[in-house]
């Protein structure tokens, strides 16, 4: 399943982003997203926004934060996704200039966001091996 995000603040060149959902055994994001979209469209009709509040409005940043922090500790915050993204892109070998542009950093400060976690590295290597064995 794929969703086209036409623009977002993390898209420095305003090209839009394709969000690709792939099947996982533990939690199937394709089935979850399909169920969500089916229910959303049944309740509110087809809308251009992917996420819609129960009243049909488009969620605001403060709405998202309230929902986010009911699930996660306040140790997580607005920069947590940037940390994850910077770490992920660095692990893929993406060039520093691209990581800097994607994160909208005007300095080399993005480097402090890189987290080298051995468990994450092991999972990435195992995923690469599984993917290689499937191809």
C-alpha atoms as a PDB file:
ATOM      1  CA  UNK A   1       0.000   0.000   0.000  1.00  0.00           C
ATOM      2  CA  UNK A   2       1.276   3.447  -0.810  1.00  0.00           C
ATOM      3  CA  UNK A   3       0.151   6.929   0.177  1.00  0.00           C
ATOM      4  CA  UNK A   4       1.293  10.118  -1.542  1.00  0.00           C
ATOM      5  CA  UNK A   5       2.054  12.891   0.941  1.00  0.00           C
ATOM      6  CA  UNK A   6       1.978  15.931  -1.379  1.00  0.00           C
ATOM      7  CA  UNK A   7       4.062  18.137   0.908  1.00  0.00           C
ATOM      8  CA  UNK A   8       5.245  18.389   4.483  1.00  0.00           C
ATOM      9  CA  UNK A   9       7.669  20.516   6.446  1.00  0.00           C
ATOM     10  CA  UNK A  10      10.362  17.845   6.183  1.00  0.00           C
ATOM     11  CA  UNK A  11      10.259  18.023   2.367  1.00  0.00           C
ATOM     12  CA  UNK A  12      12.758  20.823   1.695  1.00  0.00           C
ATOM     13  CA  UNK A  13      12.341  20.624  -2.085  1.00  0.00           C
ATOM     14  CA  UNK A  14       8.511  20.320  -2.052  1.00  0.00           C
ATOM     15  CA  UNK A  15       8.531  17.216  -4.226  1.00  0.00           C
ATOM     16  CA  UNK A  16       6.121  15.290  -2.005  1.00  0.00           C
ATOM     17  CA  UNK A  17       6.811  11.918  -0.464  1.00  0.00           C
ATOM     18  CA  UNK A  18       5.509   8.450  -1.168  1.00  0.00           C
ATOM     19  CA  UNK A  19       4.860   6.620   2.092  1.00  0.00           C
ATOM     20  CA  UNK A  20       5.115   2.883   1.486  1.00  0.00           C
ATOM     21  CA  UNK A  21       3.512   0.443   3.897  1.00  0.00           C
ATOM     22  CA  UNK A  22       4.860  -3.102   3.815  1.00  0.00           C
ATOM     23  CA  UNK A  23       3.610  -6.307   5.415  1.00  0.00           C
ATOM     24  CA  UNK A  24       4.995  -7.353   8.802  1.00  0.00           C
ATOM     25  CA  UNK A  25       4.046 -10.457  10.763  1.00  0.00           C
ATOM     26  CA  UNK A  26       3.859  -8.764  14.167  1.00  0.00           C
ATOM     27  CA  UNK A  27       1.720  -5.765  13.228  1.00  0.00           C
ATOM     28  CA  UNK A  28       0.489  -5.545   9.684  1.00  0.00           C
ATOM     29  CA  UNK A  29       0.486  -1.827   8.796  1.00  0.00           C
ATOM     30  CA  UNK A  30      -1.235  -2.546   5.479  1.00  0.00           C
ATOM     31  CA  UNK A  31      -4.245  -4.168   7.156  1.00  0.00           C
ATOM     32  CA  UNK A  32      -4.313  -1.508   9.883  1.00  0.00           C
ATOM     33  CA  UNK A  33      -4.159   1.336   7.340  1.00  0.00           C
ATOM     34  CA  UNK A  34      -6.761  -0.316   5.119  1.00  0.00           C
ATOM     35  CA  UNK A  35      -9.135  -0.709   8.071  1.00  0.00           C
ATOM     36  CA  UNK A  36      -8.534   2.899   9.132  1.00  0.00           C
ATOM     37  CA  UNK A  37      -9.157   4.318   5.639  1.00  0.00           C
ATOM     38  CA  UNK A  38     -12.276   2.185   5.178  1.00  0.00           C
ATOM     39  CA  UNK A  39     -13.715   3.379   8.481  1.00  0.00           C
ATOM     40  CA  UNK A  40     -12.620   7.004   7.893  1.00  0.00           C
ATOM     41  CA  UNK A  41     -14.251   7.108   4.450  1.00  0.00           C
ATOM     42  CA  UNK A  42     -17.401   5.403   5.749  1.00  0.00           C
ATOM     43  CA  UNK A  43     -17.763   8.042   8.466  1.00  0.00           C
ATOM     44  CA  UNK A  44     -16.577  11.160   6.625  1.00  0.00           C
ATOM     45  CA  UNK A  45     -16.495  10.394   2.898  1.00  0.00           C
ATOM     46  CA  UNK A  46     -13.348  10.582   0.803  1.00  0.00           C
ATOM     47  CA  UNK A  47     -11.115  13.404   2.019  1.00  0.00           C
ATOM     48  CA  UNK A  48      -7.680  14.519   0.779  1.00  0.00           C
ATOM     49  CA  UNK A  49      -6.223  14.443   4.310  1.00  0.00           C
ATOM     50  CA  UNK A  50      -4.986  11.042   5.447  1.00  0.00           C
ATOM     51  CA  UNK A  51      -5.760  11.603   9.109  1.00  0.00           C
ATOM     52  CA  UNK A  52      -9.056  13.091  10.243  1.00  0.00           C
ATOM     53  CA  UNK A  53     -10.373  13.720  13.752  1.00  0.00           C
ATOM     54  CA  UNK A  54     -13.608  12.092  14.918  1.00  0.00           C
ATOM     55  CA  UNK A  55     -15.468  15.341  14.133  1.00  0.00           C
ATOM     56  CA  UNK A  56     -14.141  15.360  10.538  1.00  0.00           C
ATOM     57  CA  UNK A  57     -11.571  18.127  11.014  1.00  0.00           C
ATOM     58  CA  UNK A  58      -7.900  17.842  10.103  1.00  0.00           C
ATOM     59  CA  UNK A  59      -5.793  17.295  13.241  1.00  0.00           C
ATOM     60  CA  UNK A  60      -3.670  20.179  14.472  1.00  0.00           C
ATOM     61  CA  UNK A  61      -0.180  19.867  15.889  1.00  0.00           C
ATOM     62  CA  UNK A  62      -1.502  20.302  19.432  1.00  0.00           C
ATOM     63  CA  UNK A  63      -4.129  17.582  18.836  1.00  0.00           C
ATOM     64  CA  UNK A  64      -1.414  15.229  17.637  1.00  0.00           C
ATOM     65  CA  UNK A  65       0.807  16.051  20.624  1.00  0.00           C
ATOM     66  CA  UNK A  66      -2.034  15.320  23.071  1.00  0.00           C
ATOM     67  CA  UNK A  67      -2.652  11.928  21.455  1.00  0.00           C
ATOM     68  CA  UNK A  68       1.068  11.199  21.124  1.00  0.00           C
ATOM     69  CA  UNK A  69       1.808  11.902  24.772  1.00  0.00           C
ATOM     70  CA  UNK A  70      -1.069   9.773  26.029  1.00  0.00           C
ATOM     71  CA  UNK A  71       0.812   6.829  24.507  1.00  0.00           C
ATOM     72  CA  UNK A  72       4.426   7.835  25.062  1.00  0.00           C
ATOM     73  CA  UNK A  73       6.444   9.338  27.850  1.00  0.00           C
ATOM     74  CA  UNK A  74       7.349  13.026  27.663  1.00  0.00           C
ATOM     75  CA  UNK A  75      10.942  11.874  27.089  1.00  0.00           C
ATOM     76  CA  UNK A  76       9.821  11.598  23.488  1.00  0.00           C
ATOM     77  CA  UNK A  77       9.035  14.801  21.711  1.00  0.00           C
ATOM     78  CA  UNK A  78       9.092  16.757  18.514  1.00  0.00           C
ATOM     79  CA  UNK A  79      12.701  15.870  17.816  1.00  0.00           C
ATOM     80  CA  UNK A  80      12.304  12.137  18.439  1.00  0.00           C
ATOM     81  CA  UNK A  81      11.226  11.449  14.837  1.00  0.00           C
ATOM     82  CA  UNK A  82      14.137  13.577  13.581  1.00  0.00           C
ATOM     83  CA  UNK A  83      16.547  11.550  15.718  1.00  0.00           C
ATOM     84  CA  UNK A  84      15.151   8.347  14.279  1.00  0.00           C
ATOM     85  CA  UNK A  85      15.234   9.647  10.728  1.00  0.00           C
ATOM     86  CA  UNK A  86      18.795  10.975  10.976  1.00  0.00           C
ATOM     87  CA  UNK A  87      19.968   7.703  12.511  1.00  0.00           C
ATOM     88  CA  UNK A  88      18.144   5.639   9.903  1.00  0.00           C
ATOM     89  CA  UNK A  89      19.451   7.634   6.931  1.00  0.00           C
ATOM     90  CA  UNK A  90      22.992   7.575   8.301  1.00  0.00           C
ATOM     91  CA  UNK A  91      22.748   3.787   8.726  1.00  0.00           C
ATOM     92  CA  UNK A  92      21.809   3.521   5.047  1.00  0.00           C
ATOM     93  CA  UNK A  93      24.886   5.502   4.080  1.00  0.00           C
ATOM     94  CA  UNK A  94      22.949   8.546   2.857  1.00  0.00           C
ATOM     95  CA  UNK A  95      25.280  11.487   2.354  1.00  0.00           C
ATOM     96  CA  UNK A  96      25.609  14.071   5.103  1.00  0.00           C
ATOM     97  CA  UNK A  97      24.380  16.884   2.858  1.00  0.00           C
ATOM     98  CA  UNK A  98      21.169  14.986   2.066  1.00  0.00           C
ATOM     99  CA  UNK A  99      20.522  14.143   5.736  1.00  0.00           C
ATOM    100  CA  UNK A 100      21.097  17.792   6.591  1.00  0.00           C
ATOM    101  CA  UNK A 101      18.643  18.933   3.889  1.00  0.00           C
ATOM    102  CA  UNK A 102      15.985  16.371   4.827  1.00  0.00           C
ATOM    103  CA  UNK A 103      16.115  17.436   8.471  1.00  0.00           C
ATOM    104  CA  UNK A 104      16.195  21.143   7.559  1.00  0.00           C
ATOM    105  CA  UNK A 105      19.340  21.652   9.628  1.00  0.00           C
ATOM    106  CA  UNK A 106      21.330  24.777   8.810  1.00  0.00           C
ATOM    107  CA  UNK A 107      24.433  23.523  10.601  1.00  0.00           C
ATOM    108  CA  UNK A 108      26.210  20.306  11.439  1.00  0.00           C
ATOM    109  CA  UNK A 109      24.081  20.052  14.597  1.00  0.00           C
ATOM    110  CA  UNK A 110      22.197  17.103  13.073  1.00  0.00           C
ATOM    111  CA  UNK A 111      25.188  14.901  13.909  1.00  0.00           C
ATOM    112  CA  UNK A 112      24.309  14.987  17.611  1.00  0.00           C
ATOM    113  CA  UNK A 113      21.029  13.245  16.731  1.00  0.00           C
ATOM    114  CA  UNK A 114      22.732  10.128  15.370  1.00  0.00           C
ATOM    115  CA  UNK A 115      22.189   7.224  17.743  1.00  0.00           C
ATOM    116  CA  UNK A 116      24.387   4.166  17.396  1.00  0.00           C
ATOM    117  CA  UNK A 117      22.373   1.419  19.019  1.00  0.00           C
ATOM    118  CA  UNK A 118      23.771  -2.124  18.674  1.00  0.00           C
ATOM    119  CA  UNK A 119      20.295  -3.659  18.925  1.00  0.00           C
ATOM    120  CA  UNK A 120      19.041  -1.482  16.084  1.00  0.00           C
ATOM    121  CA  UNK A 121      22.133  -2.293  14.013  1.00  0.00           C
ATOM    122  CA  UNK A 122      21.560  -6.022  14.601  1.00  0.00           C
ATOM    123  CA  UNK A 123      17.898  -5.734  13.566  1.00  0.00           C
ATOM    124  CA  UNK A 124      18.868  -3.833  10.414  1.00  0.00           C
ATOM    125  CA  UNK A 125      21.418  -6.485   9.492  1.00  0.00           C
ATOM    126  CA  UNK A 126      18.921  -9.299  10.133  1.00  0.00           C
ATOM    127  CA  UNK A 127      16.301  -7.509   8.026  1.00  0.00           C
ATOM    128  CA  UNK A 128      18.829  -7.091   5.204  1.00  0.00           C
ATOM    129  CA  UNK A 129      19.703 -10.799   5.380  1.00  0.00           C
ATOM    130  CA  UNK A 130      16.014 -11.793   5.332  1.00  0.00           C
ATOM    131  CA  UNK A 131      15.365  -9.457   2.406  1.00  0.00           C
ATOM    132  CA  UNK A 132      18.385 -10.819   0.527  1.00  0.00           C
ATOM    133  CA  UNK A 133      17.198 -14.406   1.107  1.00  0.00           C
ATOM    134  CA  UNK A 134      13.757 -13.523  -0.299  1.00  0.00           C
ATOM    135  CA  UNK A 135      15.154 -12.051  -3.513  1.00  0.00           C
END
